[in-house]
């Protein structure tokens, strides 16, 4: 079966008015603020209502160039649940413009399992990313303005840690010098840019519970250190938090759109899955739990990154207790984990598939370790053979895990009905879900928490620390920033910090190169390997194939 392009499918869809979608959630037209006919902002107070729904997390095995389709499966599962009479609500992240115009593409799903209006969601949407970029830029400007006008807080220009931001892949901005042009231009100093999903303000928006909590978190953001004491200087001391909250007031409110099959979808916030915690906003998830019976959400990258942070950071912060988890895998990716080169993935190879099965087993064990029942979704590709699909099914069965083929890309919700029924069996079999079994006690020292993640989640033997990282940990703990969750930023392609080590490596240690506090977000980031906060464009960016035709329709967006 040949499936049209994502954008062709999205542009041919007949969308419901968003007020009708809101009505399915029990909301009247006056309860939502419209952004045209097909998008709306929801009231923030929905997140404070008592939850009635059950939460289902969609995670995946480690990403490969072969693709896993986690967002597509999330959308398709929500569509399938609604086809089966379940009052399901989808909750996913907003896309970043950098990946859209780079190599990854958009984040609205694919095929017949998409959220729409796809073009709006992948581009400017309701302006949330622009608001976050503006609030971030305001704080950047106030930092340099403070340095220019006397520097009463004794902020050391050499130790300003607050970067600038832009929502585009631009490697030239990773390291720069600002303040050129004479005394009136402000002090000359080194600076850097991060992409908006890597901004701490994005993580703050994703974890804040209301406007008061948002402002308090913004005030706690550390922008640098003061003089010889190296005491932290915060956005609150710069008196920036109030104005930043003004810019973010509407961006904190969840966005309501719809799936291709007309079901409700909350698309809100977009923190990266390695530098940050890779989940949609807490207020969107809580609102969905108040409005629907089952909420399908996803976390970035594999279970070692997104799912671990979903449990250890988001669920801990928000008091969430997921009822079940779905692990997405593909035959192609498992063959790649088994050592097959990308050029041969479309050819049946049961030996390579068998070599990749320990990778599947590791991710199943990860999710089970957090105390949730697991269902494996095999996201079908046209080149998968019956023998390969049977091999994955048998391997999952040997692990004692329910498994279902998932053909939502080609068939929409109809292709996910078997998966939906297995998920509901898992949900109904866990009627009173408990808080997750966290990987660590957040009150423990930073090194202990990192060690626990490496051993329990990655399967390694612990962590080693560069001298700079060791000093940074000492500084964080001496200034009261040690008793928080830890967000390890590492490659998404491997369980280790080496992207070439596939499948299920053992006997390895993680090298922590850098550690910094995200005080507003409420966690500490530990960077392992060469993880960048500002990506670059590839040799042939997706942007070169995009445009607008003579009838004003976008083409080339995926």
Protein backbone atom coordinates (compact mmCIF):
# COMPACT_ATOMS: atom_id res chain seq x y z
CA UNK A 1 0.00 0.00 0.00
CA UNK A 2 1.42 3.37 -1.04
CA UNK A 3 0.79 6.08 1.55
CA UNK A 4 0.72 9.72 0.39
CA UNK A 5 3.12 12.21 1.93
CA UNK A 6 2.37 13.48 5.42
CA UNK A 7 1.59 16.97 4.19
CA UNK A 8 -0.67 15.67 1.40
CA UNK A 9 -2.66 13.65 3.92
CA UNK A 10 -2.88 16.59 6.33
CA UNK A 11 -3.93 19.07 3.64
CA UNK A 12 -6.68 16.75 2.37
CA UNK A 13 -8.15 16.16 5.84
CA UNK A 14 -11.53 17.60 6.75
CA UNK A 15 -11.01 19.10 10.17
CA UNK A 16 -13.68 19.57 12.81
CA UNK A 17 -14.18 22.99 14.32
CA UNK A 18 -12.13 23.13 17.49
CA UNK A 19 -15.19 24.15 19.49
CA UNK A 20 -16.73 20.78 18.57
CA UNK A 21 -13.56 18.99 19.69
CA UNK A 22 -13.69 20.96 22.94
CA UNK A 23 -17.31 19.90 23.39
CA UNK A 24 -16.17 16.27 23.41
CA UNK A 25 -14.19 17.20 26.52
CA UNK A 26 -17.21 18.82 28.16
CA UNK A 27 -16.05 22.36 27.38
CA UNK A 28 -18.32 25.11 26.13
CA UNK A 29 -17.25 27.58 23.41
CA UNK A 30 -16.69 30.26 26.06
CA UNK A 31 -14.28 27.91 27.90
CA UNK A 32 -11.64 28.13 25.16
CA UNK A 33 -9.78 30.97 23.46
CA UNK A 34 -9.76 30.40 19.70
CA UNK A 35 -6.71 30.72 17.46
CA UNK A 36 -8.70 30.38 14.24
CA UNK A 37 -11.11 27.52 13.56
CA UNK A 38 -8.82 24.61 14.42
CA UNK A 39 -6.66 25.66 17.39
CA UNK A 40 -7.48 26.89 20.87
CA UNK A 41 -5.93 27.74 24.21
CA UNK A 42 -7.44 25.99 27.24
CA UNK A 43 -7.99 27.58 30.66
CA UNK A 44 -5.09 27.07 33.02
CA UNK A 45 -7.38 26.14 35.90
CA UNK A 46 -8.26 22.85 34.19
CA UNK A 47 -4.93 21.53 35.47
CA UNK A 48 -6.12 22.07 39.05
CA UNK A 49 -9.21 19.88 38.68
CA UNK A 50 -9.30 16.43 40.25
CA UNK A 51 -7.98 13.82 37.80
CA UNK A 52 -10.32 11.11 36.58
CA UNK A 53 -8.26 9.60 33.77
CA UNK A 54 -5.52 6.96 33.62
CA UNK A 55 -2.11 7.84 32.21
CA UNK A 56 -0.33 5.75 29.55
CA UNK A 57 3.28 6.52 28.61
CA UNK A 58 4.61 5.76 25.12
CA UNK A 59 8.37 5.19 25.02
CA UNK A 60 10.67 3.38 22.60
CA UNK A 61 13.87 1.49 22.09
CA UNK A 62 16.95 3.63 21.37
CA UNK A 63 16.58 5.69 18.18
CA UNK A 64 18.43 4.72 15.02
CA UNK A 65 18.43 6.24 11.52
CA UNK A 66 15.92 3.49 10.67
CA UNK A 67 13.28 5.31 12.72
CA UNK A 68 10.88 4.05 15.37
CA UNK A 69 7.83 6.31 14.95
CA UNK A 70 7.01 6.94 18.61
CA UNK A 71 4.87 10.02 17.96
CA UNK A 72 3.07 8.26 15.13
CA UNK A 73 2.26 5.33 17.42
CA UNK A 74 1.12 7.71 20.19
CA UNK A 75 -1.30 9.47 17.83
CA UNK A 76 -2.47 6.18 16.31
CA UNK A 77 -3.03 4.62 19.73
CA UNK A 78 -5.19 7.57 20.82
CA UNK A 79 -7.17 7.25 17.57
CA UNK A 80 -7.58 3.49 18.05
CA UNK A 81 -8.74 3.89 21.64
CA UNK A 82 -11.43 6.35 20.58
CA UNK A 83 -12.53 4.00 17.79
CA UNK A 84 -12.94 1.36 20.48
CA UNK A 85 -15.17 3.60 22.58
CA UNK A 86 -12.57 4.84 25.06
CA UNK A 87 -12.66 8.53 25.98
CA UNK A 88 -8.98 9.04 25.14
CA UNK A 89 -6.98 12.28 25.03
CA UNK A 90 -3.57 12.65 23.42
CA UNK A 91 -0.78 14.75 25.05
CA UNK A 92 2.43 15.39 23.08
CA UNK A 93 5.15 18.04 22.72
CA UNK A 94 5.30 20.96 20.31
CA UNK A 95 7.84 20.77 17.45
CA UNK A 96 10.89 23.01 17.18
CA UNK A 97 11.60 24.92 13.97
CA UNK A 98 15.26 23.83 14.01
CA UNK A 99 14.57 20.12 13.40
CA UNK A 100 11.66 20.95 11.07
CA UNK A 101 14.00 22.79 8.68
CA UNK A 102 16.99 20.57 9.45
CA UNK A 103 16.93 16.80 9.12
CA UNK A 104 14.50 15.33 11.67
CA UNK A 105 11.37 16.92 10.30
CA UNK A 106 8.27 17.84 12.27
CA UNK A 107 6.76 16.22 15.33
CA UNK A 108 3.10 15.87 14.43
CA UNK A 109 3.14 12.14 13.73
CA UNK A 110 3.02 10.64 10.26
CA UNK A 111 0.86 9.00 7.62
CA UNK A 112 -2.71 8.55 8.85
CA UNK A 113 -1.69 9.06 12.49
CA UNK A 114 -1.10 12.79 12.74
CA UNK A 115 -2.23 15.78 14.73
CA UNK A 116 -3.64 18.62 12.68
CA UNK A 117 -3.49 21.36 11.46
CA UNK A 118 -0.06 19.87 10.76
CA UNK A 119 1.45 22.93 9.07
CA UNK A 120 0.46 25.26 11.90
CA UNK A 121 1.69 22.87 14.61
CA UNK A 122 5.07 22.42 12.90
CA UNK A 123 5.53 26.14 12.25
CA UNK A 124 4.40 29.06 14.45
CA UNK A 125 1.40 27.29 16.05
CA UNK A 126 -0.01 29.50 18.85
CA UNK A 127 3.23 31.38 19.43
CA UNK A 128 4.41 29.50 22.53
CA UNK A 129 7.98 29.05 21.30
CA UNK A 130 8.18 32.72 20.32
CA UNK A 131 7.00 33.72 23.80
CA UNK A 132 9.61 31.49 25.42
CA UNK A 133 12.32 32.90 23.13
CA UNK A 134 11.20 36.43 24.02
CA UNK A 135 11.25 35.78 27.76
CA UNK A 136 14.68 34.20 27.43
CA UNK A 137 15.92 37.17 25.36
CA UNK A 138 14.56 39.62 27.94
CA UNK A 139 16.61 37.97 30.67
CA UNK A 140 19.69 37.95 28.40
CA UNK A 141 19.22 41.67 27.75
CA UNK A 142 18.73 42.43 31.44
CA UNK A 143 21.93 40.57 32.32
CA UNK A 144 24.01 42.71 29.95
CA UNK A 145 22.11 45.84 30.90
CA UNK A 146 22.96 45.20 34.54
CA UNK A 147 26.64 44.81 33.65
CA UNK A 148 26.52 48.05 31.64
CA UNK A 149 24.86 50.15 34.36
CA UNK A 150 27.17 49.66 37.31
CA UNK A 151 26.80 45.93 38.08
CA UNK A 152 25.48 46.36 41.63
CA UNK A 153 25.27 42.57 42.05
CA UNK A 154 28.98 42.17 41.17
CA UNK A 155 28.11 39.64 38.44
CA UNK A 156 31.38 38.36 36.96
CA UNK A 157 31.25 38.92 33.15
CA UNK A 158 33.57 35.95 32.72
CA UNK A 159 31.16 33.68 34.58
CA UNK A 160 27.82 34.62 33.05
CA UNK A 161 26.16 31.24 32.49
CA UNK A 162 22.88 32.45 30.96
CA UNK A 163 22.99 31.95 27.16
CA UNK A 164 20.93 33.50 24.38
CA UNK A 165 18.42 31.54 22.32
CA UNK A 166 16.90 31.12 18.88
CA UNK A 167 14.61 28.40 17.55
CA UNK A 168 16.78 27.41 14.61
CA UNK A 169 19.75 25.12 14.04
CA UNK A 170 22.71 27.51 13.70
CA UNK A 171 26.14 26.13 14.58
CA UNK A 172 27.78 29.57 14.10
CA UNK A 173 26.08 30.72 17.32
CA UNK A 174 27.48 28.02 19.58
CA UNK A 175 30.26 30.38 20.64
CA UNK A 176 30.30 34.13 19.97
CA UNK A 177 31.42 37.49 21.32
CA UNK A 178 28.86 40.18 22.19
CA UNK A 179 29.23 43.83 23.15
CA UNK A 180 31.41 44.90 20.24
CA UNK A 181 31.14 48.50 19.07
CA UNK A 182 32.50 50.60 21.89
CA UNK A 183 31.49 51.61 25.40
CA UNK A 184 27.87 52.32 24.48
CA UNK A 185 27.40 48.73 23.31
CA UNK A 186 27.97 47.30 26.77
CA UNK A 187 30.78 45.12 28.08
CA UNK A 188 32.46 42.85 25.55
CA UNK A 189 32.26 39.22 26.62
CA UNK A 190 31.93 35.68 25.35
CA UNK A 191 28.42 34.37 24.84
CA UNK A 192 26.63 31.39 23.36
CA UNK A 193 23.22 30.51 21.96
CA UNK A 194 21.04 27.47 22.63
CA UNK A 195 18.06 26.33 20.61
CA UNK A 196 14.72 27.11 22.28
CA UNK A 197 13.93 23.49 23.32
CA UNK A 198 17.23 23.54 25.26
CA UNK A 199 16.36 26.79 27.05
CA UNK A 200 15.80 26.40 30.78
CA UNK A 201 12.67 28.52 30.31
CA UNK A 202 11.22 25.75 28.12
CA UNK A 203 11.78 23.27 30.94
CA UNK A 204 10.29 25.75 33.42
CA UNK A 205 7.13 26.15 31.30
CA UNK A 206 6.86 22.37 30.97
CA UNK A 207 7.02 21.82 34.76
CA UNK A 208 5.26 24.89 36.21
CA UNK A 209 1.86 24.21 37.78
CA UNK A 210 0.36 27.72 37.59
CA UNK A 211 1.34 31.35 37.08
CA UNK A 212 2.59 31.81 40.65
CA UNK A 213 4.76 28.71 40.37
CA UNK A 214 5.97 29.89 36.95
CA UNK A 215 7.13 33.24 38.36
CA UNK A 216 8.78 31.59 41.36
CA UNK A 217 10.68 29.20 39.10
CA UNK A 218 11.77 32.00 36.79
CA UNK A 219 13.08 33.96 39.77
CA UNK A 220 15.26 30.98 40.79
CA UNK A 221 17.08 30.81 37.44
CA UNK A 222 20.83 31.31 37.96
CA UNK A 223 22.41 33.63 35.38
CA UNK A 224 25.99 33.57 36.68
CA UNK A 225 28.12 34.09 39.77
CA UNK A 226 29.27 37.11 41.73
CA UNK A 227 32.90 38.11 42.18
CA UNK A 228 35.37 36.15 44.30
CA UNK A 229 32.61 34.53 46.39
CA UNK A 230 31.12 32.91 43.29
CA UNK A 231 27.69 33.14 44.90
CA UNK A 232 24.85 32.52 42.42
CA UNK A 233 23.12 35.52 40.86
CA UNK A 234 19.49 34.92 39.93
CA UNK A 235 16.85 36.32 37.64
CA UNK A 236 14.92 37.29 40.78
CA UNK A 237 17.80 39.48 41.92
CA UNK A 238 17.75 41.16 38.50
CA UNK A 239 14.00 41.75 39.04
CA UNK A 240 13.29 40.07 35.70
CA UNK A 241 10.83 37.35 36.75
CA UNK A 242 7.68 39.50 36.71
CA UNK A 243 8.16 40.76 33.17
CA UNK A 244 9.14 37.29 31.98
CA UNK A 245 5.90 35.95 33.44
CA UNK A 246 3.98 38.61 31.53
CA UNK A 247 5.50 37.33 28.29
CA UNK A 248 4.75 33.70 29.22
CA UNK A 249 1.24 34.14 30.62
CA UNK A 250 -0.57 32.67 27.63
CA UNK A 251 2.25 30.30 26.65
CA UNK A 252 1.67 28.42 29.91
CA UNK A 253 -1.86 27.51 28.82
CA UNK A 254 -2.25 24.17 26.98
CA UNK A 255 -3.08 24.08 23.26
CA UNK A 256 -6.02 22.05 21.97
CA UNK A 257 -5.95 20.60 18.44
CA UNK A 258 -7.17 17.30 16.99
CA UNK A 259 -5.99 14.06 15.49
CA UNK A 260 -6.73 13.21 11.86
CA UNK A 261 -9.73 11.26 13.14
CA UNK A 262 -11.08 14.23 15.09
CA UNK A 263 -10.09 13.23 18.61
CA UNK A 264 -8.79 15.77 21.14
CA UNK A 265 -5.04 16.37 21.32
CA UNK A 266 -3.19 18.65 23.72
CA UNK A 267 0.10 19.75 22.13
CA UNK A 268 2.13 21.84 24.54
CA UNK A 269 5.77 22.65 25.40
CA UNK A 270 8.77 21.00 23.79
CA UNK A 271 11.86 20.44 25.96
CA UNK A 272 14.61 18.34 24.37
CA UNK A 273 14.86 14.73 25.54
CA UNK A 274 18.51 14.85 26.57
CA UNK A 275 19.40 18.41 27.68
CA UNK A 276 15.97 18.62 29.34
CA UNK A 277 13.34 16.07 30.33
CA UNK A 278 11.67 15.56 26.93
CA UNK A 279 7.99 15.60 27.93
CA UNK A 280 4.96 17.73 27.20
CA UNK A 281 3.84 20.14 29.91
CA UNK A 282 2.62 19.10 33.32
CA UNK A 283 -0.38 21.44 33.04
CA UNK A 284 -1.43 19.82 29.75
CA UNK A 285 -1.14 16.33 31.20
CA UNK A 286 -3.10 17.29 34.31
CA UNK A 287 -5.78 19.02 32.23
CA UNK A 288 -6.12 15.93 30.04
CA UNK A 289 -6.40 13.67 33.10
CA UNK A 290 -9.24 15.89 34.34
CA UNK A 291 -11.06 15.74 30.99
CA UNK A 292 -10.60 12.19 29.66
CA UNK A 293 -10.64 8.58 30.81
CA UNK A 294 -7.29 7.58 29.27
CA UNK A 295 -4.45 9.97 28.49
CA UNK A 296 -1.78 8.89 26.01
CA UNK A 297 1.50 10.78 26.36
CA UNK A 298 5.05 10.25 25.14
CA UNK A 299 8.59 10.97 26.27
CA UNK A 300 11.53 11.80 24.03
CA UNK A 301 13.99 9.24 22.65
CA UNK A 302 14.28 5.79 24.30
CA UNK A 303 13.37 4.51 27.74
CA UNK A 304 16.88 5.29 28.98
CA UNK A 305 16.44 9.02 28.29
CA UNK A 306 12.85 10.24 27.90
CA UNK A 307 11.10 7.60 29.98
CA UNK A 308 13.63 7.78 32.83
CA UNK A 309 13.20 11.56 32.97
CA UNK A 310 9.43 11.26 32.63
CA UNK A 311 9.35 9.10 35.76
CA UNK A 312 12.19 10.63 37.80
CA UNK A 313 11.54 14.30 36.96
CA UNK A 314 8.01 14.87 35.65
CA UNK A 315 6.12 12.25 37.66
CA UNK A 316 8.06 13.16 40.79
CA UNK A 317 7.33 16.88 40.31
CA UNK A 318 3.68 16.40 39.40
CA UNK A 319 2.65 13.45 41.53
CA UNK A 320 1.73 11.40 38.46
CA UNK A 321 1.17 7.63 38.61
CA UNK A 322 1.10 6.07 35.11
CA UNK A 323 -1.07 2.97 34.74
CA UNK A 324 0.86 1.40 31.82
CA UNK A 325 3.66 1.98 29.32
CA UNK A 326 3.98 1.17 25.62
CA UNK A 327 7.42 0.36 24.19
CA UNK A 328 7.68 1.10 20.46
CA UNK A 329 10.05 -1.00 18.36
CA UNK A 330 10.56 -1.66 14.67
CA UNK A 331 12.02 -4.64 12.87
CA UNK A 332 14.39 -2.33 11.01
CA UNK A 333 15.76 -0.71 14.17
CA UNK A 334 16.25 -4.04 15.92
CA UNK A 335 18.17 -5.32 12.90
CA UNK A 336 20.34 -2.22 13.07
CA UNK A 337 20.91 -2.85 16.79
CA UNK A 338 22.01 -6.32 15.70
CA UNK A 339 24.75 -4.88 13.51
CA UNK A 340 23.06 -4.70 10.10
CA UNK A 341 24.06 -1.61 8.05
CA UNK A 342 21.36 0.85 7.07
CA UNK A 343 21.69 -0.13 3.39
CA UNK A 344 20.52 -3.70 4.11
CA UNK A 345 17.63 -3.09 6.48
CA UNK A 346 14.96 -3.79 3.87
CA UNK A 347 16.22 -7.36 3.36
CA UNK A 348 15.02 -10.14 5.66
CA UNK A 349 17.76 -11.04 8.14
CA UNK A 350 16.58 -13.11 11.07
CA UNK A 351 20.11 -13.52 12.45
CA UNK A 352 20.65 -9.75 12.73
CA UNK A 353 17.20 -9.43 14.26
CA UNK A 354 18.04 -12.08 16.86
CA UNK A 355 21.28 -10.25 17.71
CA UNK A 356 19.26 -7.08 18.33
CA UNK A 357 16.74 -8.68 20.70
CA UNK A 358 18.79 -8.06 23.88
CA UNK A 359 18.28 -4.36 23.18
CA UNK A 360 14.52 -4.86 23.26
CA UNK A 361 14.82 -6.87 26.48
CA UNK A 362 16.82 -4.09 28.14
CA UNK A 363 14.20 -1.44 27.41
CA UNK A 364 11.39 -3.73 28.59
CA UNK A 365 13.28 -4.25 31.86
CA UNK A 366 13.80 -0.48 32.18
CA UNK A 367 10.10 0.28 32.02
CA UNK A 368 9.19 -2.61 34.30
CA UNK A 369 11.77 -1.32 36.76
CA UNK A 370 9.67 1.82 37.24
CA UNK A 371 6.75 -0.36 38.32
CA UNK A 372 4.42 -0.15 35.31
CA UNK A 373 3.01 -2.94 33.14
CA UNK A 374 4.50 -2.88 29.63
CA UNK A 375 3.04 -3.53 26.17
CA UNK A 376 5.31 -3.77 23.11
CA UNK A 377 4.10 -2.10 19.91
CA UNK A 378 5.81 -3.29 16.73
CA UNK A 379 5.47 -0.33 14.40
CA UNK A 380 5.11 -2.00 11.00
CA UNK A 381 7.01 -1.02 7.89
CA UNK A 382 6.16 -2.17 4.38
CA UNK A 383 9.40 -4.18 4.13
CA UNK A 384 8.83 -6.20 7.31
CA UNK A 385 8.39 -9.90 6.56
CA UNK A 386 6.00 -12.24 8.35
CA UNK A 387 8.95 -14.22 9.69
CA UNK A 388 10.57 -11.08 11.15
CA UNK A 389 7.35 -9.90 12.77
CA UNK A 390 6.80 -13.37 14.22
CA UNK A 391 10.36 -13.34 15.63
CA UNK A 392 9.74 -10.06 17.45
CA UNK A 393 6.42 -11.33 18.73
CA UNK A 394 8.03 -14.52 20.05
CA UNK A 395 10.89 -12.60 21.69
CA UNK A 396 8.45 -10.31 23.49
CA UNK A 397 6.34 -13.28 24.54
CA UNK A 398 9.47 -14.93 25.98
CA UNK A 399 9.90 -11.79 28.09
CA UNK A 400 6.33 -12.16 29.33
CA UNK A 401 5.22 -8.94 27.64
CA UNK A 402 2.04 -8.51 25.55
CA UNK A 403 2.92 -7.50 21.99
CA UNK A 404 0.88 -6.20 19.08
CA UNK A 405 1.62 -5.16 15.52
CA UNK A 406 0.87 -1.50 14.89
CA UNK A 407 -0.02 -0.29 11.40
CA UNK A 408 -1.33 3.16 12.24
CA UNK A 409 0.92 4.97 9.73
CA UNK A 410 -0.89 3.28 6.83
CA UNK A 411 -4.30 2.64 8.40
CA UNK A 412 -4.81 5.22 11.14
CA UNK A 413 -6.70 4.13 14.23
CA UNK A 414 -7.91 0.95 12.52
CA UNK A 415 -4.31 -0.23 12.42
CA UNK A 416 -3.90 0.12 16.18
CA UNK A 417 -6.98 -1.64 17.54
CA UNK A 418 -5.10 -4.74 18.72
CA UNK A 419 -2.57 -2.53 20.48
CA UNK A 420 -5.34 -0.42 22.02
CA UNK A 421 -7.02 -3.51 23.47
CA UNK A 422 -3.78 -4.79 24.97
CA UNK A 423 -3.14 -1.36 26.48
CA UNK A 424 -6.61 -1.25 28.02
CA UNK A 425 -6.10 -4.75 29.44
CA UNK A 426 -2.90 -3.49 31.08
CA UNK A 427 -4.63 -0.35 32.36
CA UNK A 428 -7.60 -2.26 33.73
CA UNK A 429 -5.25 -4.76 35.32
CA UNK A 430 -3.61 -1.92 37.26
CA UNK A 431 -6.67 -0.24 38.81
CA UNK A 432 -4.78 1.68 41.51
CA UNK A 433 -1.40 2.65 40.02
CA UNK A 434 1.20 3.65 42.56
CA UNK A 435 3.83 6.33 42.23
CA UNK A 436 6.70 5.11 40.04
CA UNK A 437 9.61 3.22 41.56
CA UNK A 438 12.09 6.05 41.03
CA UNK A 439 15.64 5.20 40.00
CA UNK A 440 17.05 7.17 42.95
CA UNK A 441 16.27 9.20 46.05
CA UNK A 442 16.45 12.87 44.99
CA UNK A 443 17.91 13.87 48.35
CA UNK A 444 21.06 11.81 47.76
CA UNK A 445 24.32 13.46 46.59
CA UNK A 446 24.57 14.23 42.87
CA UNK A 447 27.18 11.54 42.19
CA UNK A 448 25.04 8.88 43.85
CA UNK A 449 22.07 9.78 41.65
CA UNK A 450 24.13 9.73 38.46
CA UNK A 451 25.62 6.38 39.48
CA UNK A 452 22.14 4.96 40.11
CA UNK A 453 20.92 5.99 36.64
CA UNK A 454 24.00 4.58 34.90
CA UNK A 455 23.76 1.25 36.71
CA UNK A 456 20.00 0.73 36.87
CA UNK A 457 18.84 2.36 33.62
CA UNK A 458 21.82 2.15 31.24
CA UNK A 459 23.28 -1.14 32.48
CA UNK A 460 26.75 0.36 33.06
CA UNK A 461 29.26 0.18 35.90
CA UNK A 462 29.04 3.78 37.12
CA UNK A 463 30.39 7.18 36.13
CA UNK A 464 33.72 9.01 35.99
CA UNK A 465 34.05 12.79 36.20
CA UNK A 466 36.15 15.31 34.34
CA UNK A 467 37.89 17.72 36.76
CA UNK A 468 35.57 20.56 35.71
CA UNK A 469 32.50 18.41 36.37
CA UNK A 470 33.77 17.45 39.80
CA UNK A 471 34.27 21.13 40.71
CA UNK A 472 30.81 22.02 39.39
CA UNK A 473 29.18 19.32 41.50
CA UNK A 474 30.97 20.62 44.59
CA UNK A 475 29.77 24.16 43.84
CA UNK A 476 26.16 23.06 43.25
CA UNK A 477 25.98 21.06 46.45
CA UNK A 478 27.62 23.84 48.48
CA UNK A 479 24.94 26.29 47.26
CA UNK A 480 21.93 24.09 48.00
CA UNK A 481 21.32 22.77 44.48
CA UNK A 482 22.24 19.14 45.09
CA UNK A 483 18.96 17.71 46.44
CA UNK A 484 17.15 17.71 43.10
CA UNK A 485 16.54 15.17 40.34
CA UNK A 486 19.31 14.68 37.79
CA UNK A 487 18.90 15.07 34.03
CA UNK A 488 21.70 13.19 32.21
CA UNK A 489 22.38 14.61 28.76
CA UNK A 490 23.92 11.91 26.58
CA UNK A 491 23.60 10.50 23.10
CA UNK A 492 20.19 9.05 22.31
CA UNK A 493 21.67 6.44 19.97
CA UNK A 494 23.27 4.20 22.59
CA UNK A 495 22.80 3.15 26.20
CA UNK A 496 26.36 4.42 26.67
CA UNK A 497 27.90 7.83 25.93
CA UNK A 498 29.35 6.44 22.66
CA UNK A 499 26.78 6.54 19.82
CA UNK A 500 28.54 3.68 17.96
CA UNK A 501 28.01 1.13 20.77
CA UNK A 502 24.69 -0.43 19.89
CA UNK A 503 22.48 -3.25 21.22
CA UNK A 504 23.11 -3.96 24.93
CA UNK A 505 26.67 -3.01 25.92
CA UNK A 506 28.08 -4.09 29.27
CA UNK A 507 31.16 -3.26 31.30
CA UNK A 508 31.12 0.45 30.42
CA UNK A 509 31.34 3.64 32.45
CA UNK A 510 29.87 7.03 31.62
CA UNK A 511 32.18 10.05 31.54
CA UNK A 512 30.54 13.21 32.87
CA UNK A 513 32.16 16.24 31.24
CA UNK A 514 30.04 19.06 32.62
CA UNK A 515 27.38 19.61 35.29
CA UNK A 516 25.16 22.65 35.75
CA UNK A 517 22.10 23.58 37.73
CA UNK A 518 18.73 24.33 36.21
CA UNK A 519 17.36 25.85 39.40
CA UNK A 520 14.17 27.16 37.84
CA UNK A 521 13.34 23.81 36.26
CA UNK A 522 14.31 22.07 39.48
CA UNK A 523 16.98 19.65 38.32
CA UNK A 524 20.71 19.35 37.70
CA UNK A 525 22.00 18.59 34.18
CA UNK A 526 24.99 16.27 33.78
CA UNK A 527 26.47 16.18 30.26
CA UNK A 528 28.16 13.04 29.00
CA UNK A 529 29.83 12.88 25.60
CA UNK A 530 29.33 15.40 22.82
CA UNK A 531 25.74 16.53 23.35
CA UNK A 532 25.03 19.96 21.84
CA UNK A 533 22.55 22.57 22.99
CA UNK A 534 22.71 24.24 19.55
CA UNK A 535 22.44 21.78 16.63
CA UNK A 536 23.68 22.54 13.13
CA UNK A 537 21.98 22.05 9.79
CA UNK A 538 22.95 19.03 7.64
CA UNK A 539 24.63 19.31 4.24
CA UNK A 540 21.20 19.25 2.60
CA UNK A 541 18.66 20.74 5.02
CA UNK A 542 14.98 19.89 4.67
CA UNK A 543 14.50 23.63 4.10
CA UNK A 544 15.88 23.41 0.55
CA UNK A 545 12.87 21.32 -0.54
CA UNK A 546 10.18 23.54 1.00
CA UNK A 547 8.13 26.28 -0.52
CA UNK A 548 4.66 27.64 -1.27
CA UNK A 549 2.91 26.78 -4.54
CA UNK A 550 0.85 29.06 -6.77
CA UNK A 551 -2.28 28.39 -4.73
CA UNK A 552 -0.60 29.34 -1.47
CA UNK A 553 -0.17 25.77 -0.20
CA UNK A 554 2.98 24.69 1.59
CA UNK A 555 4.97 21.82 0.12
CA UNK A 556 7.98 19.85 1.34
CA UNK A 557 7.04 19.95 5.04
CA UNK A 558 7.15 16.59 6.79
